[in-house]
Amino acid sequence: MAERFTRPKRGSWIVGVCAGVADGLGLPRSLVRLLFVLAAGAGGAGVIVYFLLWTFTRAE
């Protein structure tokens, strides 16, 4: 079974969504944060996705 996505309590700036995504995908956290910021500026999709991930994922 696939490992569940979690938001880390340590090493996060706000609630850990970007850190959890980065860790889960094996990407640098700064890159994921930048992508969310760019997506937020391009029509607000990043804000919606961030909110959904925050709402439906559990913290470590």
PDB file of N, CA and C in Angstrom:
ATOM      1  N   MET A   1       0.832  -1.179   0.000  1.00  0.00           N
ATOM      2  CA  MET A   1       0.000   0.000   0.000  1.00  0.00           C
ATOM      3  C   MET A   1       0.880   1.246   0.000  1.00  0.00           C
ATOM      4  N   ALA A   2       0.429   2.277  -0.653  1.00  0.00           N
ATOM      5  CA  ALA A   2       1.202   3.513  -0.757  1.00  0.00           C
ATOM      6  C   ALA A   2       1.293   4.212   0.597  1.00  0.00           C
ATOM      7  N   GLU A   3       2.425   4.866   0.797  1.00  0.00           N
ATOM      8  CA  GLU A   3       2.623   5.620   2.027  1.00  0.00           C
ATOM      9  C   GLU A   3       1.726   6.846   2.025  1.00  0.00           C
ATOM     10  N   ARG A   4       1.152   7.165   3.173  1.00  0.00           N
ATOM     11  CA  ARG A   4       0.245   8.311   3.268  1.00  0.00           C
ATOM     12  C   ARG A   4       1.030   9.606   3.344  1.00  0.00           C
ATOM     13  N   PHE A   5       0.505  10.620   2.708  1.00  0.00           N
ATOM     14  CA  PHE A   5       1.093  11.949   2.743  1.00  0.00           C
ATOM     15  C   PHE A   5       0.814  12.574   4.099  1.00  0.00           C
ATOM     16  N   THR A   6       1.850  13.092   4.745  1.00  0.00           N
ATOM     17  CA  THR A   6       1.673  13.766   6.028  1.00  0.00           C
ATOM     18  C   THR A   6       2.378  15.115   5.998  1.00  0.00           C
ATOM     19  N   ARG A   7       1.922  15.995   6.857  1.00  0.00           N
ATOM     20  CA  ARG A   7       2.550  17.307   7.012  1.00  0.00           C
ATOM     21  C   ARG A   7       3.477  17.258   8.216  1.00  0.00           C
ATOM     22  N   PRO A   8       4.772  17.522   8.024  1.00  0.00           N
ATOM     23  CA  PRO A   8       5.693  17.477   9.166  1.00  0.00           C
ATOM     24  C   PRO A   8       5.475  18.652  10.110  1.00  0.00           C
ATOM     25  N   LYS A   9       5.686  18.407  11.395  1.00  0.00           N
ATOM     26  CA  LYS A   9       5.568  19.484  12.380  1.00  0.00           C
ATOM     27  C   LYS A   9       6.844  20.307  12.446  1.00  0.00           C
ATOM     28  N   ARG A  10       7.981  19.688  12.166  1.00  0.00           N
ATOM     29  CA  ARG A  10       9.266  20.384  12.193  1.00  0.00           C
ATOM     30  C   ARG A  10       9.732  20.673  10.770  1.00  0.00           C
ATOM     31  N   GLY A  11      10.395  21.802  10.614  1.00  0.00           N
ATOM     32  CA  GLY A  11      10.932  22.151   9.309  1.00  0.00           C
ATOM     33  C   GLY A  11       9.931  22.794   8.375  1.00  0.00           C
ATOM     34  N   SER A  12       8.790  23.195   8.915  1.00  0.00           N
ATOM     35  CA  SER A  12       7.784  23.826   8.068  1.00  0.00           C
ATOM     36  C   SER A  12       7.684  25.308   8.409  1.00  0.00           C
ATOM     37  N   TRP A  13       7.215  26.087   7.464  1.00  0.00           N
ATOM     38  CA  TRP A  13       7.090  27.531   7.677  1.00  0.00           C
ATOM     39  C   TRP A  13       5.733  27.885   8.257  1.00  0.00           C
ATOM     40  N   ILE A  14       4.676  27.320   7.701  1.00  0.00           N
ATOM     41  CA  ILE A  14       3.332  27.669   8.169  1.00  0.00           C
ATOM     42  C   ILE A  14       2.678  26.407   8.744  1.00  0.00           C
ATOM     43  N   VAL A  15       2.097  25.581   7.898  1.00  0.00           N
ATOM     44  CA  VAL A  15       1.443  24.362   8.400  1.00  0.00           C
ATOM     45  C   VAL A  15       2.062  23.087   7.837  1.00  0.00           C
ATOM     46  N   GLY A  16       3.072  23.190   6.998  1.00  0.00           N
ATOM     47  CA  GLY A  16       3.801  22.019   6.532  1.00  0.00           C
ATOM     48  C   GLY A  16       3.351  21.410   5.233  1.00  0.00           C
ATOM     49  N   VAL A  17       2.448  22.046   4.517  1.00  0.00           N
ATOM     50  CA  VAL A  17       1.964  21.468   3.263  1.00  0.00           C
ATOM     51  C   VAL A  17       3.101  21.346   2.245  1.00  0.00           C
ATOM     52  N   CYS A  18       3.822  22.423   2.019  1.00  0.00           N
ATOM     53  CA  CYS A  18       4.912  22.392   1.028  1.00  0.00           C
ATOM     54  C   CYS A  18       6.010  21.414   1.435  1.00  0.00           C
ATOM     55  N   ALA A  19       6.327  21.380   2.728  1.00  0.00           N
ATOM     56  CA  ALA A  19       7.346  20.444   3.212  1.00  0.00           C
ATOM     57  C   ALA A  19       6.893  19.002   2.999  1.00  0.00           C
ATOM     58  N   GLY A  20       5.633  18.720   3.263  1.00  0.00           N
ATOM     59  CA  GLY A  20       5.118  17.367   3.063  1.00  0.00           C
ATOM     60  C   GLY A  20       5.105  16.952   1.605  1.00  0.00           C
ATOM     61  N   VAL A  21       4.701  17.866   0.736  1.00  0.00           N
ATOM     62  CA  VAL A  21       4.700  17.583  -0.705  1.00  0.00           C
ATOM     63  C   VAL A  21       6.127  17.344  -1.183  1.00  0.00           C
ATOM     64  N   ALA A  22       7.040  18.213  -0.764  1.00  0.00           N
ATOM     65  CA  ALA A  22       8.435  18.085  -1.185  1.00  0.00           C
ATOM     66  C   ALA A  22       9.036  16.766  -0.710  1.00  0.00           C
ATOM     67  N   ASP A  23       8.808  16.424   0.539  1.00  0.00           N
ATOM     68  CA  ASP A  23       9.335  15.165   1.069  1.00  0.00           C
ATOM     69  C   ASP A  23       8.725  13.964   0.362  1.00  0.00           C
ATOM     70  N   GLY A  24       7.439  14.030   0.094  1.00  0.00           N
ATOM     71  CA  GLY A  24       6.763  12.926  -0.579  1.00  0.00           C
ATOM     72  C   GLY A  24       7.215  12.719  -2.015  1.00  0.00           C
ATOM     73  N   LEU A  25       7.550  13.815  -2.688  1.00  0.00           N
ATOM     74  CA  LEU A  25       7.982  13.725  -4.088  1.00  0.00           C
ATOM     75  C   LEU A  25       9.490  13.697  -4.258  1.00  0.00           C
ATOM     76  N   GLY A  26      10.221  13.915  -3.172  1.00  0.00           N
ATOM     77  CA  GLY A  26      11.683  13.919  -3.255  1.00  0.00           C
ATOM     78  C   GLY A  26      12.237  15.176  -3.914  1.00  0.00           C
ATOM     79  N   LEU A  27      11.551  16.296  -3.741  1.00  0.00           N
ATOM     80  CA  LEU A  27      11.977  17.565  -4.325  1.00  0.00           C
ATOM     81  C   LEU A  27      12.456  18.503  -3.228  1.00  0.00           C
ATOM     82  N   PRO A  28      13.259  19.512  -3.593  1.00  0.00           N
ATOM     83  CA  PRO A  28      13.660  20.509  -2.593  1.00  0.00           C
ATOM     84  C   PRO A  28      12.445  21.300  -2.103  1.00  0.00           C
ATOM     85  N   ARG A  29      12.400  21.574  -0.810  1.00  0.00           N
ATOM     86  CA  ARG A  29      11.273  22.298  -0.233  1.00  0.00           C
ATOM     87  C   ARG A  29      11.137  23.696  -0.818  1.00  0.00           C
ATOM     88  N   SER A  30      12.265  24.348  -1.075  1.00  0.00           N
ATOM     89  CA  SER A  30      12.214  25.707  -1.630  1.00  0.00           C
ATOM     90  C   SER A  30      11.584  25.713  -3.023  1.00  0.00           C
ATOM     91  N   LEU A  31      11.816  24.671  -3.810  1.00  0.00           N
ATOM     92  CA  LEU A  31      11.222  24.586  -5.147  1.00  0.00           C
ATOM     93  C   LEU A  31       9.705  24.438  -5.043  1.00  0.00           C
ATOM     94  N   VAL A  32       9.243  23.589  -4.140  1.00  0.00           N
ATOM     95  CA  VAL A  32       7.804  23.381  -3.977  1.00  0.00           C
ATOM     96  C   VAL A  32       7.146  24.665  -3.477  1.00  0.00           C
ATOM     97  N   ARG A  33       7.794  25.359  -2.548  1.00  0.00           N
ATOM     98  CA  ARG A  33       7.246  26.633  -2.060  1.00  0.00           C
ATOM     99  C   ARG A  33       7.142  27.647  -3.186  1.00  0.00           C
ATOM    100  N   LEU A  34       8.180  27.715  -4.017  1.00  0.00           N
ATOM    101  CA  LEU A  34       8.164  28.634  -5.159  1.00  0.00           C
ATOM    102  C   LEU A  34       7.037  28.288  -6.124  1.00  0.00           C
ATOM    103  N   LEU A  35       6.824  27.020  -6.384  1.00  0.00           N
ATOM    104  CA  LEU A  35       5.759  26.600  -7.293  1.00  0.00           C
ATOM    105  C   LEU A  35       4.379  26.949  -6.743  1.00  0.00           C
ATOM    106  N   PHE A  36       4.189  26.813  -5.440  1.00  0.00           N
ATOM    107  CA  PHE A  36       2.911  27.206  -4.837  1.00  0.00           C
ATOM    108  C   PHE A  36       2.700  28.709  -4.944  1.00  0.00           C
ATOM    109  N   VAL A  37       3.753  29.490  -4.737  1.00  0.00           N
ATOM    110  CA  VAL A  37       3.636  30.950  -4.852  1.00  0.00           C
ATOM    111  C   VAL A  37       3.297  31.339  -6.281  1.00  0.00           C
ATOM    112  N   LEU A  38       3.965  30.730  -7.241  1.00  0.00           N
ATOM    113  CA  LEU A  38       3.677  31.032  -8.648  1.00  0.00           C
ATOM    114  C   LEU A  38       2.256  30.625  -9.020  1.00  0.00           C
ATOM    115  N   ALA A  39       1.815  29.482  -8.532  1.00  0.00           N
ATOM    116  CA  ALA A  39       0.449  29.033  -8.812  1.00  0.00           C
ATOM    117  C   ALA A  39      -0.583  29.934  -8.134  1.00  0.00           C
ATOM    118  N   ALA A  40      -0.242  30.475  -6.980  1.00  0.00           N
ATOM    119  CA  ALA A  40      -1.157  31.396  -6.291  1.00  0.00           C
ATOM    120  C   ALA A  40      -1.304  32.682  -7.081  1.00  0.00           C
ATOM    121  N   GLY A  41      -0.233  33.123  -7.712  1.00  0.00           N
ATOM    122  CA  GLY A  41      -0.274  34.350  -8.499  1.00  0.00           C
ATOM    123  C   GLY A  41      -0.928  34.163  -9.858  1.00  0.00           C
ATOM    124  N   ALA A  42      -1.024  32.943 -10.312  1.00  0.00           N
ATOM    125  CA  ALA A  42      -1.592  32.656 -11.635  1.00  0.00           C
ATOM    126  C   ALA A  42      -3.024  32.172 -11.487  1.00  0.00           C
ATOM    127  N   GLY A  43      -3.884  33.043 -11.057  1.00  0.00           N
ATOM    128  CA  GLY A  43      -5.295  32.686 -10.978  1.00  0.00           C
ATOM    129  C   GLY A  43      -5.735  32.123  -9.643  1.00  0.00           C
ATOM    130  N   GLY A  44      -4.842  31.993  -8.696  1.00  0.00           N
ATOM    131  CA  GLY A  44      -5.217  31.533  -7.367  1.00  0.00           C
ATOM    132  C   GLY A  44      -5.312  30.035  -7.182  1.00  0.00           C
ATOM    133  N   ALA A  45      -4.908  29.262  -8.171  1.00  0.00           N
ATOM    134  CA  ALA A  45      -5.008  27.804  -8.058  1.00  0.00           C
ATOM    135  C   ALA A  45      -4.141  27.271  -6.922  1.00  0.00           C
ATOM    136  N   GLY A  46      -2.988  27.884  -6.709  1.00  0.00           N
ATOM    137  CA  GLY A  46      -2.098  27.432  -5.644  1.00  0.00           C
ATOM    138  C   GLY A  46      -2.724  27.580  -4.276  1.00  0.00           C
ATOM    139  N   VAL A  47      -3.481  28.635  -4.068  1.00  0.00           N
ATOM    140  CA  VAL A  47      -4.147  28.859  -2.778  1.00  0.00           C
ATOM    141  C   VAL A  47      -5.196  27.780  -2.540  1.00  0.00           C
ATOM    142  N   ILE A  48      -5.953  27.457  -3.549  1.00  0.00           N
ATOM    143  CA  ILE A  48      -7.000  26.436  -3.421  1.00  0.00           C
ATOM    144  C   ILE A  48      -6.388  25.070  -3.148  1.00  0.00           C
ATOM    145  N   VAL A  49      -5.363  24.701  -3.904  1.00  0.00           N
ATOM    146  CA  VAL A  49      -4.711  23.403  -3.715  1.00  0.00           C
ATOM    147  C   VAL A  49      -4.059  23.334  -2.335  1.00  0.00           C
ATOM    148  N   TYR A  50      -3.391  24.426  -1.927  1.00  0.00           N
ATOM    149  CA  TYR A  50      -2.769  24.473  -0.609  1.00  0.00           C
ATOM    150  C   TYR A  50      -3.811  24.261   0.484  1.00  0.00           C
ATOM    151  N   PHE A  51      -4.930  24.957   0.397  1.00  0.00           N
ATOM    152  CA  PHE A  51      -5.994  24.830   1.389  1.00  0.00           C
ATOM    153  C   PHE A  51      -6.553  23.405   1.428  1.00  0.00           C
ATOM    154  N   LEU A  52      -6.768  22.804   0.271  1.00  0.00           N
ATOM    155  CA  LEU A  52      -7.288  21.440   0.224  1.00  0.00           C
ATOM    156  C   LEU A  52      -6.308  20.440   0.827  1.00  0.00           C
ATOM    157  N   LEU A  53      -5.023  20.600   0.503  1.00  0.00           N
ATOM    158  CA  LEU A  53      -4.021  19.704   1.077  1.00  0.00           C
ATOM    159  C   LEU A  53      -3.939  19.876   2.592  1.00  0.00           C
ATOM    160  N   TRP A  54      -4.027  21.098   3.053  1.00  0.00           N
ATOM    161  CA  TRP A  54      -3.997  21.375   4.491  1.00  0.00           C
ATOM    162  C   TRP A  54      -5.206  20.758   5.178  1.00  0.00           C
ATOM    163  N   THR A  55      -6.356  20.841   4.544  1.00  0.00           N
ATOM    164  CA  THR A  55      -7.591  20.343   5.133  1.00  0.00           C
ATOM    165  C   THR A  55      -7.638  18.820   5.183  1.00  0.00           C
ATOM    166  N   PHE A  56      -7.186  18.150   4.135  1.00  0.00           N
ATOM    167  CA  PHE A  56      -7.382  16.706   4.019  1.00  0.00           C
ATOM    168  C   PHE A  56      -6.166  15.858   4.317  1.00  0.00           C
ATOM    169  N   THR A  57      -5.096  16.447   4.829  1.00  0.00           N
ATOM    170  CA  THR A  57      -3.934  15.639   5.228  1.00  0.00           C
ATOM    171  C   THR A  57      -3.720  15.785   6.720  1.00  0.00           C
ATOM    172  N   ARG A  58      -3.106  14.798   7.282  1.00  0.00           N
ATOM    173  CA  ARG A  58      -2.879  14.829   8.723  1.00  0.00           C
ATOM    174  C   ARG A  58      -1.437  15.245   9.009  1.00  0.00           C
ATOM    175  N   ALA A  59      -1.255  15.828  10.170  1.00  0.00           N
ATOM    176  CA  ALA A  59       0.090  16.188  10.616  1.00  0.00           C
ATOM    177  C   ALA A  59       0.767  14.954  11.193  1.00  0.00           C
ATOM    178  N   GLU A  60       2.089  14.961  11.198  1.00  0.00           N
ATOM    179  CA  GLU A  60       2.839  13.830  11.749  1.00  0.00           C
ATOM    180  C   GLU A  60       2.514  13.607  13.203  1.00  0.00           C
TER     181      GLU A  60
END
